[in-house]
Amino acid sequence: MADIVSPEKRSQMMAGIRSANTRIEVVIRKALFARGYRYRLHSRSVPGKPDLVLPKFRAAIFVHGCFWHGHDCPLFKVPGTRTDFWLDKIRANQRRDAKVSEQVAVSGYRQITIWECALRGATSGDLEAVMDTLVTWLLSDIQYSQIRGTKYLAHKQSS
């Protein structure tokens, strides 16, 4: 299917998508703050500059967009135009994510990934349930976890 906007307009639209301070990231920050947790934003002291860092808990929180990170959920759809370009870009993001994950583990921080589908789309869950899962993880000693849409493995973890 052909794109309904010009290549220049599509480029402008894609360039306007933020990588930091996204709507979902801000929602999570406000909910975490309301529960009394304090954090640092995009700390350069932790590999990959996580979206949120809680030094007290040695915890790094990454908030990932399902499209940009190629998440296996209904929010990810391969674009119909410039497919090879987008697949290469998404695969590069996934390789970088895997490398950063290893570096975070070596640095002594625990990490959790909160996927966009946890709070947006048909598979989204309730914000309070997502925050309960996040806080439970923060208070645990689990090294890695992720929160994703409720219909697609709401909580996956490994020690």
Foldseek 3Di string as FASTA:
>chain_A
DDDPDDPVVVVVVVVPDDPAPDPVLVVLVVVCVVVPADWDAQDPVAFPSARTARVVLLEGEHEDECCQQVNPDPNHDQDPPPRVVSVVRNVVSPVSVVVSLVRSVVVVGAYEYEYPQCCDDPQHDDPVVVVVVVVVVSPDPFRYKYAHGNVPPGIDTHD
